[in-house]
C-alpha atoms as a PDB file:
ATOM      1  CA  MET A   1      68.417 144.584 -14.327  1.00  0.00           C
ATOM      2  CA  ARG A   2      69.680 145.988 -11.067  1.00  0.00           C
ATOM      3  CA  THR A   3      69.740 143.930  -7.936  1.00  0.00           C
ATOM      4  CA  ALA A   4      67.705 144.960  -4.934  1.00  0.00           C
ATOM      5  CA  TYR A   5      69.268 147.242  -2.353  1.00  0.00           C
ATOM      6  CA  GLY A   6      70.363 144.833   0.350  1.00  0.00           C
ATOM      7  CA  ALA A   7      69.195 145.033   3.936  1.00  0.00           C
ATOM      8  CA  ASP A   8      72.770 144.676   5.209  1.00  0.00           C
ATOM      9  CA  ARG A   9      73.921 147.568   3.077  1.00  0.00           C
ATOM     10  CA  LEU A  10      71.002 149.720   4.211  1.00  0.00           C
ATOM     11  CA  ALA A  11      71.692 148.893   7.851  1.00  0.00           C
ATOM     12  CA  ALA A  12      75.360 149.803   7.481  1.00  0.00           C
ATOM     13  CA  GLU A  13      74.510 153.124   5.846  1.00  0.00           C
ATOM     14  CA  ALA A  14      71.888 153.840   8.510  1.00  0.00           C
ATOM     15  CA  LEU A  15      74.453 153.280  11.255  1.00  0.00           C
ATOM     16  CA  VAL A  16      76.881 155.655   9.554  1.00  0.00           C
ATOM     17  CA  ALA A  17      74.106 158.259   9.252  1.00  0.00           C
ATOM     18  CA  VAL A  18      73.309 157.909  12.961  1.00  0.00           C
ATOM     19  CA  GLU A  19      76.995 158.262  13.873  1.00  0.00           C
ATOM     20  CA  ARG A  20      77.159 161.440  11.801  1.00  0.00           C
ATOM     21  CA  ASP A  21      73.924 162.728  13.393  1.00  0.00           C
ATOM     22  CA  LYS A  22      72.152 162.893  10.033  1.00  0.00           C
ATOM     23  CA  ALA A  23      68.400 163.525  10.202  1.00  0.00           C
ATOM     24  CA  LEU A  24      67.710 162.103   6.751  1.00  0.00           C
ATOM     25  CA  LEU A  25      69.054 159.135   4.814  1.00  0.00           C
ATOM     26  CA  VAL A  26      67.973 158.782   1.192  1.00  0.00           C
ATOM     27  CA  VAL A  27      69.255 155.616  -0.492  1.00  0.00           C
ATOM     28  CA  PRO A  28      69.965 154.159  -3.017  1.00  0.00           C
ATOM     29  CA  ALA A  29      71.598 156.656  -5.377  1.00  0.00           C
ATOM     30  CA  GLN A  30      68.656 156.648  -7.804  1.00  0.00           C
ATOM     31  CA  ALA A  31      66.274 157.637  -4.995  1.00  0.00           C
ATOM     32  CA  ARG A  32      68.712 160.300  -3.818  1.00  0.00           C
ATOM     33  CA  ALA A  33      68.861 161.773  -7.332  1.00  0.00           C
ATOM     34  CA  ALA A  34      65.055 161.866  -7.529  1.00  0.00           C
ATOM     35  CA  TRP A  35      64.870 163.455  -4.071  1.00  0.00           C
ATOM     36  CA  ARG A  36      67.371 166.147  -5.043  1.00  0.00           C
ATOM     37  CA  PHE A  37      65.540 166.860  -8.287  1.00  0.00           C
ATOM     38  CA  ALA A  38      62.260 167.164  -6.360  1.00  0.00           C
ATOM     39  CA  ARG A  39      63.896 169.679  -4.026  1.00  0.00           C
ATOM     40  CA  VAL A  40      65.166 171.776  -6.933  1.00  0.00           C
ATOM     41  CA  ALA A  41      62.096 171.566  -9.174  1.00  0.00           C
ATOM     42  CA  PRO A  42      59.075 170.353  -7.177  1.00  0.00           C
ATOM     43  CA  THR A  43      56.476 171.340  -9.791  1.00  0.00           C
ATOM     44  CA  VAL A  44      58.277 169.513 -12.573  1.00  0.00           C
ATOM     45  CA  MET A  45      58.719 166.450 -10.375  1.00  0.00           C
ATOM     46  CA  ARG A  46      55.038 166.491  -9.434  1.00  0.00           C
ATOM     47  CA  ARG A  47      54.036 166.617 -13.093  1.00  0.00           C
ATOM     48  CA  MET A  48      56.429 163.789 -13.974  1.00  0.00           C
ATOM     49  CA  THR A  49      55.122 161.678 -11.110  1.00  0.00           C
ATOM     50  CA  THR A  50      51.496 162.307 -12.061  1.00  0.00           C
ATOM     51  CA  ARG A  51      52.216 161.340 -15.662  1.00  0.00           C
ATOM     52  CA  PHE A  52      54.076 158.192 -14.571  1.00  0.00           C
ATOM     53  CA  VAL A  53      51.220 157.071 -12.317  1.00  0.00           C
ATOM     54  CA  ALA A  54      48.679 157.675 -15.088  1.00  0.00           C
ATOM     55  CA  GLN A  55      50.761 155.570 -17.492  1.00  0.00           C
ATOM     56  CA  GLN A  56      51.053 152.743 -14.972  1.00  0.00           C
ATOM     57  CA  ARG A  57      47.317 152.789 -14.318  1.00  0.00           C
ATOM     58  CA  GLN A  58      46.626 152.675 -18.046  1.00  0.00           C
ATOM     59  CA  ARG A  59      48.960 149.701 -18.478  1.00  0.00           C
ATOM     60  CA  GLN A  60      47.211 147.850 -15.676  1.00  0.00           C
ATOM     61  CA  GLY A  61      43.750 148.729 -16.938  1.00  0.00           C
ATOM     62  CA  LEU A  62      42.753 150.731 -13.871  1.00  0.00           C
END
């Protein structure tokens, strides 16, 4: 299991993004990959997300 993305690490990356005048910071790498995929194929990502939410709701009995 992966460890949580640390607050110190996030703060450091946020400071670097500010120094570089970046408008958007997407971290960690897994979130960045999902964000990029959503930009390339938004319809596919929407379908995958809808399916994932439905599965989670079913597991939880909602």
